[in-house]
Amino acid sequence: MQYPKILLAAALSCGAWFAAPAWADSPITVENPYVRLMPPNMPNTGAFMVIKNHSNADRKLVKAESPVAQTVQLHTHVHDGNVMRMREIPAVDIKANGEAVLQPGSLHIMLIGLKQPLKEGERVPLTLNFDDGSSLKVEAPVQRIQPMAMPMNGQGQMHEGMQH
């Protein structure tokens, strides 16, 4: 399926990245994929996106692949005492007519053992594999992520009592 050039130009000019399905009538689409830029000495990073399911059936993302990493895993964050830890999960659920949001501190795709440092703006190929045997190819640009600010308590201290 060919998209009109004006539509493609409009989407690119807004800074939005979309992954078009390999077939025109696919019920799964991906919006705003990106890979987190990490310092060159870091061997791992994460990929994030919104996966939309436009069908009346629940779907699952069961595997992701990329040639830039030795291992690719589906992950989430869990509370372990007072510490957030990443854990591998077998699948990411995408409800019928719903979406799965993969974002920092939550569900994400982990790229482990990067084969070379990634550069800002570079596009990382990802293949998303679903429970029905279908797959979707995505190109995710490498982006610098700004750290989240901790809320302050009005006395120059973070809420956990740490000095700022």
C-alpha atoms as a PDB file:
ATOM      1  CA  MET A   1       0.000   0.000   0.000  1.00  0.00           C
ATOM      2  CA  GLN A   2       1.377   3.377  -0.952  1.00  0.00           C
ATOM      3  CA  TYR A   3       0.704   6.335   1.302  1.00  0.00           C
ATOM      4  CA  PRO A   4       0.156   9.700  -0.372  1.00  0.00           C
ATOM      5  CA  LYS A   5       3.348  11.724  -0.333  1.00  0.00           C
ATOM      6  CA  ILE A   6       1.638  14.699   1.306  1.00  0.00           C
ATOM      7  CA  LEU A   7       0.446  12.538   4.227  1.00  0.00           C
ATOM      8  CA  LEU A   8       3.928  11.115   4.714  1.00  0.00           C
ATOM      9  CA  ALA A   9       5.484  14.589   4.549  1.00  0.00           C
ATOM     10  CA  ALA A  10       2.973  15.907   7.102  1.00  0.00           C
ATOM     11  CA  ALA A  11       3.674  13.060   9.516  1.00  0.00           C
ATOM     12  CA  LEU A  12       7.441  13.466   9.217  1.00  0.00           C
ATOM     13  CA  SER A  13       7.285  17.246   9.601  1.00  0.00           C
ATOM     14  CA  CYS A  14       5.445  16.827  12.928  1.00  0.00           C
ATOM     15  CA  GLY A  15       8.253  14.653  14.250  1.00  0.00           C
ATOM     16  CA  ALA A  16       5.920  11.655  14.545  1.00  0.00           C
ATOM     17  CA  TRP A  17       7.153   8.207  13.629  1.00  0.00           C
ATOM     18  CA  PHE A  18       4.745   5.514  12.577  1.00  0.00           C
ATOM     19  CA  ALA A  19       5.345   1.938  11.529  1.00  0.00           C
ATOM     20  CA  ALA A  20       3.210   0.865   8.620  1.00  0.00           C
ATOM     21  CA  PRO A  21       2.205  -2.784   8.671  1.00  0.00           C
ATOM     22  CA  ALA A  22       3.697  -5.039   6.036  1.00  0.00           C
ATOM     23  CA  TRP A  23       0.163  -5.681   4.799  1.00  0.00           C
ATOM     24  CA  ALA A  24      -2.452  -2.967   4.298  1.00  0.00           C
ATOM     25  CA  ASP A  25      -5.253  -4.406   6.415  1.00  0.00           C
ATOM     26  CA  SER A  26      -3.226  -5.300   9.514  1.00  0.00           C
ATOM     27  CA  PRO A  27      -5.063  -4.633  12.766  1.00  0.00           C
ATOM     28  CA  ILE A  28      -1.798  -3.801  14.603  1.00  0.00           C
ATOM     29  CA  THR A  29      -0.012  -0.463  14.225  1.00  0.00           C
ATOM     30  CA  VAL A  30       2.883   1.176  16.072  1.00  0.00           C
ATOM     31  CA  GLU A  31       3.186   4.849  16.932  1.00  0.00           C
ATOM     32  CA  ASN A  32       6.163   6.893  18.127  1.00  0.00           C
ATOM     33  CA  PRO A  33       8.791   4.154  18.375  1.00  0.00           C
ATOM     34  CA  TYR A  34      12.190   5.170  19.723  1.00  0.00           C
ATOM     35  CA  VAL A  35      15.299   3.704  21.319  1.00  0.00           C
ATOM     36  CA  ARG A  36      16.918   5.413  24.280  1.00  0.00           C
ATOM     37  CA  LEU A  37      20.370   6.897  23.624  1.00  0.00           C
ATOM     38  CA  MET A  38      22.853   5.588  26.182  1.00  0.00           C
ATOM     39  CA  PRO A  39      26.512   6.471  26.819  1.00  0.00           C
ATOM     40  CA  PRO A  40      28.869   4.539  24.510  1.00  0.00           C
ATOM     41  CA  ASN A  41      30.114   2.276  27.335  1.00  0.00           C
ATOM     42  CA  MET A  42      26.600   1.035  28.231  1.00  0.00           C
ATOM     43  CA  PRO A  43      25.898  -2.396  26.698  1.00  0.00           C
ATOM     44  CA  ASN A  44      22.085  -2.253  26.971  1.00  0.00           C
ATOM     45  CA  THR A  45      19.209   0.078  26.159  1.00  0.00           C
ATOM     46  CA  GLY A  46      15.433   0.094  25.812  1.00  0.00           C
ATOM     47  CA  ALA A  47      12.967   0.517  22.962  1.00  0.00           C
ATOM     48  CA  PHE A  48       9.634   2.217  23.542  1.00  0.00           C
ATOM     49  CA  MET A  49       6.446   2.753  21.523  1.00  0.00           C
ATOM     50  CA  VAL A  50       2.673   2.558  21.522  1.00  0.00           C
ATOM     51  CA  ILE A  51       1.279  -0.634  19.962  1.00  0.00           C
ATOM     52  CA  LYS A  52      -2.363  -0.264  18.872  1.00  0.00           C
ATOM     53  CA  ASN A  53      -4.748  -3.151  18.266  1.00  0.00           C
ATOM     54  CA  HIS A  54      -7.570  -2.121  15.920  1.00  0.00           C
ATOM     55  CA  SER A  55      -9.247  -5.553  15.989  1.00  0.00           C
ATOM     56  CA  ASN A  56     -11.976  -7.077  18.142  1.00  0.00           C
ATOM     57  CA  ALA A  57      -9.605  -9.767  19.473  1.00  0.00           C
ATOM     58  CA  ASP A  58      -6.980  -9.520  22.208  1.00  0.00           C
ATOM     59  CA  ARG A  59      -3.426  -9.898  20.920  1.00  0.00           C
ATOM     60  CA  LYS A  60      -0.013 -10.453  22.505  1.00  0.00           C
ATOM     61  CA  LEU A  61       3.451  -9.282  21.569  1.00  0.00           C
ATOM     62  CA  VAL A  62       5.414 -12.477  22.241  1.00  0.00           C
ATOM     63  CA  LYS A  63       8.871 -11.646  20.912  1.00  0.00           C
ATOM     64  CA  ALA A  64      10.977  -8.824  19.523  1.00  0.00           C
ATOM     65  CA  GLU A  65      14.139  -9.066  17.442  1.00  0.00           C
ATOM     66  CA  SER A  66      16.833  -6.629  16.336  1.00  0.00           C
ATOM     67  CA  PRO A  67      20.184  -7.090  14.595  1.00  0.00           C
ATOM     68  CA  VAL A  68      21.794  -4.399  16.812  1.00  0.00           C
ATOM     69  CA  ALA A  69      21.727  -6.542  19.986  1.00  0.00           C
ATOM     70  CA  GLN A  70      22.810 -10.030  20.983  1.00  0.00           C
ATOM     71  CA  THR A  71      19.580 -10.556  22.948  1.00  0.00           C
ATOM     72  CA  VAL A  72      16.182  -8.860  22.801  1.00  0.00           C
ATOM     73  CA  GLN A  73      13.686  -9.338  25.646  1.00  0.00           C
ATOM     74  CA  LEU A  74      10.260  -8.050  26.661  1.00  0.00           C
ATOM     75  CA  HIS A  75      10.496  -6.392  30.094  1.00  0.00           C
ATOM     76  CA  THR A  76       8.500  -4.657  32.779  1.00  0.00           C
ATOM     77  CA  HIS A  77       9.375  -2.947  36.059  1.00  0.00           C
ATOM     78  CA  VAL A  78       8.301  -4.391  39.403  1.00  0.00           C
ATOM     79  CA  HIS A  79       8.585  -3.107  42.962  1.00  0.00           C
ATOM     80  CA  ASP A  80      10.977  -5.235  45.021  1.00  0.00           C
ATOM     81  CA  GLY A  81      10.852  -3.716  48.486  1.00  0.00           C
ATOM     82  CA  ASN A  82      11.786  -0.065  47.959  1.00  0.00           C
ATOM     83  CA  VAL A  83      13.579  -0.757  44.675  1.00  0.00           C
ATOM     84  CA  MET A  84      12.237  -0.847  41.117  1.00  0.00           C
ATOM     85  CA  ARG A  85      13.679  -3.787  39.169  1.00  0.00           C
ATOM     86  CA  MET A  86      13.350  -4.856  35.571  1.00  0.00           C
ATOM     87  CA  ARG A  87      12.003  -8.338  34.882  1.00  0.00           C
ATOM     88  CA  GLU A  88      11.660 -10.293  31.673  1.00  0.00           C
ATOM     89  CA  ILE A  89       8.055 -11.170  30.797  1.00  0.00           C
ATOM     90  CA  PRO A  90       6.725 -13.754  28.307  1.00  0.00           C
ATOM     91  CA  ALA A  91       4.377 -11.368  26.469  1.00  0.00           C
ATOM     92  CA  VAL A  92       2.833  -7.908  26.329  1.00  0.00           C
ATOM     93  CA  ASP A  93      -0.969  -7.958  26.233  1.00  0.00           C
ATOM     94  CA  ILE A  94      -2.727  -5.686  23.746  1.00  0.00           C
ATOM     95  CA  LYS A  95      -6.457  -5.632  24.433  1.00  0.00           C
ATOM     96  CA  ALA A  96      -9.021  -5.665  21.614  1.00  0.00           C
ATOM     97  CA  ASN A  97      -9.457  -2.121  20.259  1.00  0.00           C
ATOM     98  CA  GLY A  98      -6.852  -1.029  22.809  1.00  0.00           C
ATOM     99  CA  GLU A  99      -3.176  -0.294  23.078  1.00  0.00           C
ATOM    100  CA  ALA A 100      -0.037  -1.230  24.963  1.00  0.00           C
ATOM    101  CA  VAL A 101       2.170   1.680  25.973  1.00  0.00           C
ATOM    102  CA  LEU A 102       5.850   0.768  26.182  1.00  0.00           C
ATOM    103  CA  GLN A 103       7.586   3.563  28.104  1.00  0.00           C
ATOM    104  CA  PRO A 104      10.461   4.143  30.532  1.00  0.00           C
ATOM    105  CA  GLY A 105       9.688   2.761  33.995  1.00  0.00           C
ATOM    106  CA  SER A 106       7.069   0.376  32.626  1.00  0.00           C
ATOM    107  CA  LEU A 107       6.732  -2.121  29.784  1.00  0.00           C
ATOM    108  CA  HIS A 108       9.577  -1.947  27.253  1.00  0.00           C
ATOM    109  CA  ILE A 109      11.752  -3.902  24.851  1.00  0.00           C
ATOM    110  CA  MET A 110      15.252  -4.471  26.237  1.00  0.00           C
ATOM    111  CA  LEU A 111      18.186  -4.528  23.787  1.00  0.00           C
ATOM    112  CA  ILE A 112      20.927  -6.449  25.590  1.00  0.00           C
ATOM    113  CA  GLY A 113      24.531  -6.740  24.449  1.00  0.00           C
ATOM    114  CA  LEU A 114      24.599  -3.975  21.858  1.00  0.00           C
ATOM    115  CA  LYS A 115      26.929  -4.938  19.035  1.00  0.00           C
ATOM    116  CA  GLN A 116      28.134  -1.327  18.719  1.00  0.00           C
ATOM    117  CA  PRO A 117      27.291   2.015  20.345  1.00  0.00           C
ATOM    118  CA  LEU A 118      24.130   3.606  18.968  1.00  0.00           C
ATOM    119  CA  LYS A 119      24.192   7.208  17.772  1.00  0.00           C
ATOM    120  CA  GLU A 120      21.481   9.821  18.212  1.00  0.00           C
ATOM    121  CA  GLY A 121      19.222   9.905  15.133  1.00  0.00           C
ATOM    122  CA  GLU A 122      20.272   6.444  13.967  1.00  0.00           C
ATOM    123  CA  ARG A 123      17.342   4.143  13.097  1.00  0.00           C
ATOM    124  CA  VAL A 124      17.191   0.769  14.844  1.00  0.00           C
ATOM    125  CA  PRO A 125      15.319  -2.008  13.011  1.00  0.00           C
ATOM    126  CA  LEU A 126      12.970  -4.038  15.222  1.00  0.00           C
ATOM    127  CA  THR A 127      10.728  -6.957  14.315  1.00  0.00           C
ATOM    128  CA  LEU A 128       7.715  -7.431  16.558  1.00  0.00           C
ATOM    129  CA  ASN A 129       6.239 -10.959  16.620  1.00  0.00           C
ATOM    130  CA  PHE A 130       2.668 -11.593  17.754  1.00  0.00           C
ATOM    131  CA  ASP A 131       0.771 -14.578  19.143  1.00  0.00           C
ATOM    132  CA  ASP A 132      -1.098 -15.178  15.864  1.00  0.00           C
ATOM    133  CA  GLY A 133       2.176 -15.718  13.968  1.00  0.00           C
ATOM    134  CA  SER A 134       2.184 -12.265  12.343  1.00  0.00           C
ATOM    135  CA  SER A 135       5.071  -9.833  12.581  1.00  0.00           C
ATOM    136  CA  LEU A 136       5.587  -6.120  12.113  1.00  0.00           C
ATOM    137  CA  LYS A 137       8.820  -4.384  11.136  1.00  0.00           C
ATOM    138  CA  VAL A 138       9.554  -1.067  12.861  1.00  0.00           C
ATOM    139  CA  GLU A 139      12.401   1.426  12.539  1.00  0.00           C
ATOM    140  CA  ALA A 140      12.907   3.278  15.806  1.00  0.00           C
ATOM    141  CA  PRO A 141      15.094   6.399  15.897  1.00  0.00           C
ATOM    142  CA  VAL A 142      17.662   6.664  18.686  1.00  0.00           C
ATOM    143  CA  GLN A 143      16.718   9.593  20.940  1.00  0.00           C
ATOM    144  CA  ARG A 144      18.222  11.324  23.953  1.00  0.00           C
ATOM    145  CA  ILE A 145      15.811  11.099  26.905  1.00  0.00           C
ATOM    146  CA  GLN A 146      15.671  13.859  29.503  1.00  0.00           C
ATOM    147  CA  PRO A 147      15.765  12.536  33.086  1.00  0.00           C
ATOM    148  CA  MET A 148      12.531  12.918  35.015  1.00  0.00           C
ATOM    149  CA  ALA A 149      12.582  15.603  37.693  1.00  0.00           C
ATOM    150  CA  MET A 150      11.820  14.533  41.246  1.00  0.00           C
ATOM    151  CA  PRO A 151       9.160  16.654  42.979  1.00  0.00           C
ATOM    152  CA  MET A 152      10.560  19.006  45.579  1.00  0.00           C
ATOM    153  CA  ASN A 153       9.041  19.562  49.030  1.00  0.00           C
ATOM    154  CA  GLY A 154       9.444  23.341  49.004  1.00  0.00           C
ATOM    155  CA  GLN A 155      12.614  23.257  51.149  1.00  0.00           C
ATOM    156  CA  GLY A 156      15.096  22.353  48.434  1.00  0.00           C
ATOM    157  CA  GLN A 157      14.786  18.675  49.260  1.00  0.00           C
ATOM    158  CA  MET A 158      13.349  15.821  47.257  1.00  0.00           C
ATOM    159  CA  HIS A 159      10.363  14.100  48.823  1.00  0.00           C
ATOM    160  CA  GLU A 160      12.482  11.161  49.924  1.00  0.00           C
ATOM    161  CA  GLY A 161      14.557  13.521  52.095  1.00  0.00           C
ATOM    162  CA  MET A 162      17.570  13.528  49.793  1.00  0.00           C
ATOM    163  CA  GLN A 163      19.359  16.843  49.354  1.00  0.00           C
ATOM    164  CA  HIS A 164      19.042  18.360  45.908  1.00  0.00           C
END
